[in-house]
């Protein structure tokens, strides 16, 4: 499992897609290719929204309130793990 797949499993698809968008902004095309392969493997659309993420949590039996409240911390951790700046 690579660092991007671990981000997907640890933080969910919304955070993963946000990291993908950051890679696009920073023109890290090799990372984008790796993440796009993961997105195809797990059928993750590029337009995943916060509501989609919350619905994923509900399907797993979680309310999602804690995750939503901790989203900014999750984003910082995921971006750091991916090797990107947090700005």
PDB file of N, CA and C in Angstrom:
ATOM      1  N   UNK A   1       0.857  -1.172   0.000  1.00  0.00           N
ATOM      2  CA  UNK A   1       0.000   0.000   0.000  1.00  0.00           C
ATOM      3  C   UNK A   1       0.905   1.238   0.000  1.00  0.00           C
ATOM      4  N   UNK A   2       0.612   2.170  -0.900  1.00  0.00           N
ATOM      5  CA  UNK A   2       1.415   3.395  -0.962  1.00  0.00           C
ATOM      6  C   UNK A   2       0.804   4.482  -0.065  1.00  0.00           C
ATOM      7  N   UNK A   3       1.500   5.608   0.009  1.00  0.00           N
ATOM      8  CA  UNK A   3       1.056   6.677   0.921  1.00  0.00           C
ATOM      9  C   UNK A   3      -0.317   7.220   0.550  1.00  0.00           C
ATOM     10  N   UNK A   4      -0.648   7.238  -0.736  1.00  0.00           N
ATOM     11  CA  UNK A   4      -1.945   7.785  -1.137  1.00  0.00           C
ATOM     12  C   UNK A   4      -3.078   6.830  -0.790  1.00  0.00           C
ATOM     13  N   UNK A   5      -2.837   5.552  -0.977  1.00  0.00           N
ATOM     14  CA  UNK A   5      -3.853   4.574  -0.614  1.00  0.00           C
ATOM     15  C   UNK A   5      -4.076   4.578   0.902  1.00  0.00           C
ATOM     16  N   UNK A   6      -3.012   4.760   1.667  1.00  0.00           N
ATOM     17  CA  UNK A   6      -3.170   4.821   3.124  1.00  0.00           C
ATOM     18  C   UNK A   6      -3.950   6.071   3.536  1.00  0.00           C
ATOM     19  N   UNK A   7      -3.782   7.174   2.807  1.00  0.00           N
ATOM     20  CA  UNK A   7      -4.573   8.382   3.078  1.00  0.00           C
ATOM     21  C   UNK A   7      -6.047   8.095   2.828  1.00  0.00           C
ATOM     22  N   UNK A   8      -6.346   7.404   1.743  1.00  0.00           N
ATOM     23  CA  UNK A   8      -7.730   7.045   1.435  1.00  0.00           C
ATOM     24  C   UNK A   8      -8.330   6.210   2.560  1.00  0.00           C
ATOM     25  N   UNK A   9      -7.606   5.193   3.005  1.00  0.00           N
ATOM     26  CA  UNK A   9      -8.141   4.301   4.033  1.00  0.00           C
ATOM     27  C   UNK A   9      -8.214   4.959   5.406  1.00  0.00           C
ATOM     28  N   UNK A  10      -7.285   5.845   5.706  1.00  0.00           N
ATOM     29  CA  UNK A  10      -7.273   6.481   7.025  1.00  0.00           C
ATOM     30  C   UNK A  10      -8.250   7.647   7.146  1.00  0.00           C
ATOM     31  N   UNK A  11      -8.436   8.414   6.058  1.00  0.00           N
ATOM     32  CA  UNK A  11      -9.225   9.640   6.148  1.00  0.00           C
ATOM     33  C   UNK A  11     -10.481   9.646   5.278  1.00  0.00           C
ATOM     34  N   UNK A  12     -10.631   8.716   4.385  1.00  0.00           N
ATOM     35  CA  UNK A  12     -11.812   8.661   3.545  1.00  0.00           C
ATOM     36  C   UNK A  12     -11.627   9.355   2.212  1.00  0.00           C
ATOM     37  N   UNK A  13     -12.647   9.181   1.369  1.00  0.00           N
ATOM     38  CA  UNK A  13     -12.498   9.641  -0.014  1.00  0.00           C
ATOM     39  C   UNK A  13     -12.528  11.159  -0.168  1.00  0.00           C
ATOM     40  N   UNK A  14     -13.217  11.884   0.699  1.00  0.00           N
ATOM     41  CA  UNK A  14     -13.248  13.340   0.560  1.00  0.00           C
ATOM     42  C   UNK A  14     -11.865  13.937   0.781  1.00  0.00           C
ATOM     43  N   UNK A  15     -11.187  13.503   1.825  1.00  0.00           N
ATOM     44  CA  UNK A  15      -9.838  13.995   2.103  1.00  0.00           C
ATOM     45  C   UNK A  15      -8.895  13.548   0.990  1.00  0.00           C
ATOM     46  N   UNK A  16      -9.047  12.307   0.532  1.00  0.00           N
ATOM     47  CA  UNK A  16      -8.211  11.799  -0.553  1.00  0.00           C
ATOM     48  C   UNK A  16      -8.366  12.648  -1.815  1.00  0.00           C
ATOM     49  N   UNK A  17      -9.597  12.941  -2.193  1.00  0.00           N
ATOM     50  CA  UNK A  17      -9.840  13.753  -3.394  1.00  0.00           C
ATOM     51  C   UNK A  17      -9.300  15.168  -3.193  1.00  0.00           C
ATOM     52  N   UNK A  18      -9.366  15.681  -1.988  1.00  0.00           N
ATOM     53  CA  UNK A  18      -8.792  17.002  -1.711  1.00  0.00           C
ATOM     54  C   UNK A  18      -7.278  16.993  -1.897  1.00  0.00           C
ATOM     55  N   UNK A  19      -6.625  15.917  -1.486  1.00  0.00           N
ATOM     56  CA  UNK A  19      -5.182  15.777  -1.710  1.00  0.00           C
ATOM     57  C   UNK A  19      -4.905  15.673  -3.209  1.00  0.00           C
ATOM     58  N   UNK A  20      -5.753  14.963  -3.934  1.00  0.00           N
ATOM     59  CA  UNK A  20      -5.622  14.859  -5.392  1.00  0.00           C
ATOM     60  C   UNK A  20      -5.705  16.244  -6.042  1.00  0.00           C
ATOM     61  N   UNK A  21      -6.658  17.037  -5.599  1.00  0.00           N
ATOM     62  CA  UNK A  21      -6.795  18.400  -6.143  1.00  0.00           C
ATOM     63  C   UNK A  21      -5.563  19.247  -5.830  1.00  0.00           C
ATOM     64  N   UNK A  22      -5.007  19.080  -4.643  1.00  0.00           N
ATOM     65  CA  UNK A  22      -3.785  19.802  -4.270  1.00  0.00           C
ATOM     66  C   UNK A  22      -2.632  19.375  -5.179  1.00  0.00           C
ATOM     67  N   UNK A  23      -2.540  18.100  -5.492  1.00  0.00           N
ATOM     68  CA  UNK A  23      -1.497  17.610  -6.400  1.00  0.00           C
ATOM     69  C   UNK A  23      -1.665  18.233  -7.784  1.00  0.00           C
ATOM     70  N   UNK A  24      -2.908  18.379  -8.230  1.00  0.00           N
ATOM     71  CA  UNK A  24      -3.156  19.029  -9.519  1.00  0.00           C
ATOM     72  C   UNK A  24      -2.719  20.488  -9.476  1.00  0.00           C
ATOM     73  N   UNK A  25      -3.055  21.190  -8.398  1.00  0.00           N
ATOM     74  CA  UNK A  25      -2.672  22.601  -8.261  1.00  0.00           C
ATOM     75  C   UNK A  25      -1.159  22.773  -8.279  1.00  0.00           C
ATOM     76  N   UNK A  26      -0.457  21.854  -7.618  1.00  0.00           N
ATOM     77  CA  UNK A  26       0.998  21.945  -7.537  1.00  0.00           C
ATOM     78  C   UNK A  26       1.694  21.285  -8.732  1.00  0.00           C
ATOM     79  N   UNK A  27       0.898  20.819  -9.685  1.00  0.00           N
ATOM     80  CA  UNK A  27       1.397  20.201 -10.918  1.00  0.00           C
ATOM     81  C   UNK A  27       2.316  19.012 -10.641  1.00  0.00           C
ATOM     82  N   UNK A  28       1.911  18.187  -9.702  1.00  0.00           N
ATOM     83  CA  UNK A  28       2.640  16.952  -9.390  1.00  0.00           C
ATOM     84  C   UNK A  28       1.977  15.818 -10.169  1.00  0.00           C
ATOM     85  N   UNK A  29       2.315  15.740 -11.425  1.00  0.00           N
ATOM     86  CA  UNK A  29       1.612  14.858 -12.340  1.00  0.00           C
ATOM     87  C   UNK A  29       1.855  13.377 -12.069  1.00  0.00           C
ATOM     88  N   UNK A  30       3.041  13.016 -11.583  1.00  0.00           N
ATOM     89  CA  UNK A  30       3.281  11.611 -11.240  1.00  0.00           C
ATOM     90  C   UNK A  30       2.379  11.184 -10.085  1.00  0.00           C
ATOM     91  N   UNK A  31       2.242  12.052  -9.081  1.00  0.00           N
ATOM     92  CA  UNK A  31       1.340  11.767  -7.965  1.00  0.00           C
ATOM     93  C   UNK A  31      -0.104  11.693  -8.451  1.00  0.00           C
ATOM     94  N   UNK A  32      -0.472  12.592  -9.351  1.00  0.00           N
ATOM     95  CA  UNK A  32      -1.834  12.585  -9.900  1.00  0.00           C
ATOM     96  C   UNK A  32      -2.126  11.261 -10.594  1.00  0.00           C
ATOM     97  N   UNK A  33      -1.149  10.752 -11.338  1.00  0.00           N
ATOM     98  CA  UNK A  33      -1.341   9.486 -12.049  1.00  0.00           C
ATOM     99  C   UNK A  33      -1.537   8.337 -11.062  1.00  0.00           C
ATOM    100  N   UNK A  34      -0.750   8.321 -10.007  1.00  0.00           N
ATOM    101  CA  UNK A  34      -0.891   7.275  -8.985  1.00  0.00           C
ATOM    102  C   UNK A  34      -2.258   7.372  -8.322  1.00  0.00           C
ATOM    103  N   UNK A  35      -2.663   8.592  -7.964  1.00  0.00           N
ATOM    104  CA  UNK A  35      -3.955   8.777  -7.302  1.00  0.00           C
ATOM    105  C   UNK A  35      -5.116   8.478  -8.240  1.00  0.00           C
ATOM    106  N   UNK A  36      -4.968   8.812  -9.518  1.00  0.00           N
ATOM    107  CA  UNK A  36      -6.032   8.503 -10.470  1.00  0.00           C
ATOM    108  C   UNK A  36      -6.209   6.990 -10.601  1.00  0.00           C
ATOM    109  N   UNK A  37      -5.108   6.244 -10.578  1.00  0.00           N
ATOM    110  CA  UNK A  37      -5.203   4.778 -10.609  1.00  0.00           C
ATOM    111  C   UNK A  37      -5.956   4.257  -9.387  1.00  0.00           C
ATOM    112  N   UNK A  38      -5.678   4.837  -8.232  1.00  0.00           N
ATOM    113  CA  UNK A  38      -6.385   4.446  -7.009  1.00  0.00           C
ATOM    114  C   UNK A  38      -7.862   4.800  -7.125  1.00  0.00           C
ATOM    115  N   UNK A  39      -8.158   5.966  -7.676  1.00  0.00           N
ATOM    116  CA  UNK A  39      -9.550   6.386  -7.842  1.00  0.00           C
ATOM    117  C   UNK A  39     -10.296   5.433  -8.765  1.00  0.00           C
ATOM    118  N   UNK A  40      -9.634   4.968  -9.811  1.00  0.00           N
ATOM    119  CA  UNK A  40     -10.267   4.006 -10.713  1.00  0.00           C
ATOM    120  C   UNK A  40     -10.449   2.655 -10.029  1.00  0.00           C
ATOM    121  N   UNK A  41      -9.451   2.244  -9.271  1.00  0.00           N
ATOM    122  CA  UNK A  41      -9.501   0.956  -8.574  1.00  0.00           C
ATOM    123  C   UNK A  41     -10.679   0.890  -7.605  1.00  0.00           C
ATOM    124  N   UNK A  42     -10.931   1.989  -6.888  1.00  0.00           N
ATOM    125  CA  UNK A  42     -11.980   2.014  -5.870  1.00  0.00           C
ATOM    126  C   UNK A  42     -13.232   2.779  -6.311  1.00  0.00           C
ATOM    127  N   UNK A  43     -13.294   3.137  -7.583  1.00  0.00           N
ATOM    128  CA  UNK A  43     -14.471   3.817  -8.159  1.00  0.00           C
ATOM    129  C   UNK A  43     -14.817   5.096  -7.394  1.00  0.00           C
ATOM    130  N   UNK A  44     -13.820   5.972  -7.262  1.00  0.00           N
ATOM    131  CA  UNK A  44     -13.991   7.243  -6.556  1.00  0.00           C
ATOM    132  C   UNK A  44     -14.091   8.359  -7.588  1.00  0.00           C
ATOM    133  N   UNK A  45     -15.209   9.078  -7.624  1.00  0.00           N
ATOM    134  CA  UNK A  45     -15.336  10.180  -8.580  1.00  0.00           C
ATOM    135  C   UNK A  45     -14.531  11.406  -8.140  1.00  0.00           C
ATOM    136  N   UNK A  46     -14.105  12.191  -9.116  1.00  0.00           N
ATOM    137  CA  UNK A  46     -13.331  13.412  -8.831  1.00  0.00           C
ATOM    138  C   UNK A  46     -14.163  14.470  -8.122  1.00  0.00           C
ATOM    139  N   UNK A  47     -15.467  14.394  -8.268  1.00  0.00           N
ATOM    140  CA  UNK A  47     -16.336  15.428  -7.698  1.00  0.00           C
ATOM    141  C   UNK A  47     -16.948  15.005  -6.357  1.00  0.00           C
ATOM    142  N   UNK A  48     -16.231  14.188  -5.601  1.00  0.00           N
ATOM    143  CA  UNK A  48     -16.705  13.767  -4.286  1.00  0.00           C
ATOM    144  C   UNK A  48     -16.867  14.989  -3.386  1.00  0.00           C
ATOM    145  N   UNK A  49     -18.015  15.080  -2.749  1.00  0.00           N
ATOM    146  CA  UNK A  49     -18.309  16.242  -1.908  1.00  0.00           C
ATOM    147  C   UNK A  49     -18.272  15.868  -0.428  1.00  0.00           C
ATOM    148  N   UNK A  50     -18.353  16.878   0.397  1.00  0.00           N
ATOM    149  CA  UNK A  50     -18.411  16.670   1.840  1.00  0.00           C
ATOM    150  C   UNK A  50     -19.648  15.854   2.211  1.00  0.00           C
ATOM    151  N   UNK A  51     -20.743  16.085   1.517  1.00  0.00           N
ATOM    152  CA  UNK A  51     -21.970  15.333   1.772  1.00  0.00           C
ATOM    153  C   UNK A  51     -21.787  13.858   1.423  1.00  0.00           C
ATOM    154  N   UNK A  52     -21.029  13.568   0.357  1.00  0.00           N
ATOM    155  CA  UNK A  52     -20.738  12.177   0.002  1.00  0.00           C
ATOM    156  C   UNK A  52     -19.956  11.496   1.120  1.00  0.00           C
ATOM    157  N   UNK A  53     -18.977  12.219   1.655  1.00  0.00           N
ATOM    158  CA  UNK A  53     -18.153  11.681   2.735  1.00  0.00           C
ATOM    159  C   UNK A  53     -19.001  11.400   3.969  1.00  0.00           C
ATOM    160  N   UNK A  54     -19.874  12.339   4.295  1.00  0.00           N
ATOM    161  CA  UNK A  54     -20.766  12.152   5.446  1.00  0.00           C
ATOM    162  C   UNK A  54     -21.678  10.943   5.215  1.00  0.00           C
ATOM    163  N   UNK A  55     -22.178  10.778   3.997  1.00  0.00           N
ATOM    164  CA  UNK A  55     -23.018   9.618   3.680  1.00  0.00           C
ATOM    165  C   UNK A  55     -22.227   8.318   3.830  1.00  0.00           C
ATOM    166  N   UNK A  56     -20.952   8.332   3.441  1.00  0.00           N
ATOM    167  CA  UNK A  56     -20.091   7.159   3.638  1.00  0.00           C
ATOM    168  C   UNK A  56     -20.007   6.807   5.117  1.00  0.00           C
ATOM    169  N   UNK A  57     -19.830   7.823   5.946  1.00  0.00           N
ATOM    170  CA  UNK A  57     -19.743   7.593   7.388  1.00  0.00           C
ATOM    171  C   UNK A  57     -21.054   7.036   7.928  1.00  0.00           C
ATOM    172  N   UNK A  58     -22.172   7.565   7.454  1.00  0.00           N
ATOM    173  CA  UNK A  58     -23.476   7.073   7.897  1.00  0.00           C
ATOM    174  C   UNK A  58     -23.663   5.609   7.514  1.00  0.00           C
ATOM    175  N   UNK A  59     -23.227   5.256   6.292  1.00  0.00           N
ATOM    176  CA  UNK A  59     -23.347   3.864   5.848  1.00  0.00           C
ATOM    177  C   UNK A  59     -22.545   2.915   6.737  1.00  0.00           C
ATOM    178  N   UNK A  60     -21.476   3.434   7.317  1.00  0.00           N
ATOM    179  CA  UNK A  60     -20.640   2.623   8.219  1.00  0.00           C
ATOM    180  C   UNK A  60     -21.153   2.652   9.654  1.00  0.00           C
ATOM    181  N   UNK A  61     -22.238   3.372   9.894  1.00  0.00           N
ATOM    182  CA  UNK A  61     -22.835   3.421  11.219  1.00  0.00           C
ATOM    183  C   UNK A  61     -22.341   4.544  12.113  1.00  0.00           C
ATOM    184  N   UNK A  62     -21.652   5.532  11.533  1.00  0.00           N
ATOM    185  CA  UNK A  62     -21.142   6.663  12.304  1.00  0.00           C
ATOM    186  C   UNK A  62     -21.968   7.903  12.002  1.00  0.00           C
ATOM    187  N   UNK A  63     -22.096   8.787  12.984  1.00  0.00           N
ATOM    188  CA  UNK A  63     -22.806  10.039  12.751  1.00  0.00           C
ATOM    189  C   UNK A  63     -22.011  10.974  11.856  1.00  0.00           C
ATOM    190  N   UNK A  64     -20.712  10.977  12.025  1.00  0.00           N
ATOM    191  CA  UNK A  64     -19.867  11.826  11.201  1.00  0.00           C
ATOM    192  C   UNK A  64     -19.582  13.187  11.785  1.00  0.00           C
ATOM    193  N   UNK A  65     -20.225  13.530  12.897  1.00  0.00           N
ATOM    194  CA  UNK A  65     -20.024  14.857  13.490  1.00  0.00           C
ATOM    195  C   UNK A  65     -18.580  15.080  13.921  1.00  0.00           C
ATOM    196  N   UNK A  66     -17.989  14.081  14.554  1.00  0.00           N
ATOM    197  CA  UNK A  66     -16.602  14.209  15.006  1.00  0.00           C
ATOM    198  C   UNK A  66     -15.676  14.341  13.804  1.00  0.00           C
ATOM    199  N   UNK A  67     -15.914  13.534  12.783  1.00  0.00           N
ATOM    200  CA  UNK A  67     -15.080  13.599  11.580  1.00  0.00           C
ATOM    201  C   UNK A  67     -15.188  14.961  10.909  1.00  0.00           C
ATOM    202  N   UNK A  68     -16.391  15.486  10.813  1.00  0.00           N
ATOM    203  CA  UNK A  68     -16.584  16.804  10.199  1.00  0.00           C
ATOM    204  C   UNK A  68     -15.869  17.872  11.032  1.00  0.00           C
ATOM    205  N   UNK A  69     -15.979  17.779  12.353  1.00  0.00           N
ATOM    206  CA  UNK A  69     -15.313  18.751  13.227  1.00  0.00           C
ATOM    207  C   UNK A  69     -13.796  18.660  13.137  1.00  0.00           C
ATOM    208  N   UNK A  70     -13.275  17.474  12.855  1.00  0.00           N
ATOM    209  CA  UNK A  70     -11.827  17.271  12.773  1.00  0.00           C
ATOM    210  C   UNK A  70     -11.290  17.350  11.349  1.00  0.00           C
ATOM    211  N   UNK A  71     -12.109  17.748  10.414  1.00  0.00           N
ATOM    212  CA  UNK A  71     -11.715  17.746   9.008  1.00  0.00           C
ATOM    213  C   UNK A  71     -10.450  18.554   8.748  1.00  0.00           C
ATOM    214  N   UNK A  72     -10.336  19.728   9.334  1.00  0.00           N
ATOM    215  CA  UNK A  72      -9.147  20.549   9.070  1.00  0.00           C
ATOM    216  C   UNK A  72      -7.883  19.852   9.567  1.00  0.00           C
ATOM    217  N   UNK A  73      -7.956  19.188  10.702  1.00  0.00           N
ATOM    218  CA  UNK A  73      -6.791  18.439  11.204  1.00  0.00           C
ATOM    219  C   UNK A  73      -6.476  17.267  10.287  1.00  0.00           C
ATOM    220  N   UNK A  74      -7.508  16.584   9.807  1.00  0.00           N
ATOM    221  CA  UNK A  74      -7.295  15.467   8.878  1.00  0.00           C
ATOM    222  C   UNK A  74      -6.624  15.949   7.597  1.00  0.00           C
ATOM    223  N   UNK A  75      -7.056  17.112   7.111  1.00  0.00           N
ATOM    224  CA  UNK A  75      -6.473  17.650   5.879  1.00  0.00           C
ATOM    225  C   UNK A  75      -4.993  17.964   6.073  1.00  0.00           C
ATOM    226  N   UNK A  76      -4.651  18.597   7.186  1.00  0.00           N
ATOM    227  CA  UNK A  76      -3.249  18.931   7.463  1.00  0.00           C
ATOM    228  C   UNK A  76      -2.416  17.657   7.547  1.00  0.00           C
ATOM    229  N   UNK A  77      -2.918  16.656   8.267  1.00  0.00           N
ATOM    230  CA  UNK A  77      -2.190  15.397   8.406  1.00  0.00           C
ATOM    231  C   UNK A  77      -2.019  14.699   7.061  1.00  0.00           C
ATOM    232  N   UNK A  78      -3.075  14.671   6.261  1.00  0.00           N
ATOM    233  CA  UNK A  78      -3.014  13.995   4.965  1.00  0.00           C
ATOM    234  C   UNK A  78      -2.062  14.711   4.009  1.00  0.00           C
ATOM    235  N   UNK A  79      -2.121  16.030   3.973  1.00  0.00           N
ATOM    236  CA  UNK A  79      -1.221  16.787   3.098  1.00  0.00           C
ATOM    237  C   UNK A  79       0.232  16.619   3.526  1.00  0.00           C
ATOM    238  N   UNK A  80       0.459  16.603   4.823  1.00  0.00           N
ATOM    239  CA  UNK A  80       1.812  16.392   5.335  1.00  0.00           C
ATOM    240  C   UNK A  80       2.304  14.996   4.968  1.00  0.00           C
ATOM    241  N   UNK A  81       1.448  14.004   5.131  1.00  0.00           N
ATOM    242  CA  UNK A  81       1.811  12.628   4.791  1.00  0.00           C
ATOM    243  C   UNK A  81       2.126  12.491   3.303  1.00  0.00           C
ATOM    244  N   UNK A  82       1.407  13.246   2.478  1.00  0.00           N
ATOM    245  CA  UNK A  82       1.637  13.194   1.034  1.00  0.00           C
ATOM    246  C   UNK A  82       2.867  13.995   0.620  1.00  0.00           C
ATOM    247  N   UNK A  83       3.374  14.832   1.531  1.00  0.00           N
ATOM    248  CA  UNK A  83       4.559  15.626   1.232  1.00  0.00           C
ATOM    249  C   UNK A  83       4.263  16.969   0.606  1.00  0.00           C
ATOM    250  N   UNK A  84       3.063  17.503   0.845  1.00  0.00           N
ATOM    251  CA  UNK A  84       2.661  18.786   0.282  1.00  0.00           C
ATOM    252  C   UNK A  84       2.630  19.846   1.373  1.00  0.00           C
ATOM    253  N   UNK A  85       2.764  21.100   0.941  1.00  0.00           N
ATOM    254  CA  UNK A  85       2.627  22.204   1.889  1.00  0.00           C
ATOM    255  C   UNK A  85       1.154  22.364   2.230  1.00  0.00           C
ATOM    256  N   UNK A  86       0.869  22.918   3.377  1.00  0.00           N
ATOM    257  CA  UNK A  86      -0.511  23.052   3.847  1.00  0.00           C
ATOM    258  C   UNK A  86      -1.163  24.359   3.444  1.00  0.00           C
ATOM    259  N   UNK A  87      -0.512  25.158   2.638  1.00  0.00           N
ATOM    260  CA  UNK A  87      -1.087  26.456   2.272  1.00  0.00           C
ATOM    261  C   UNK A  87      -2.053  26.342   1.128  1.00  0.00           C
TER     262      UNK A  87
END
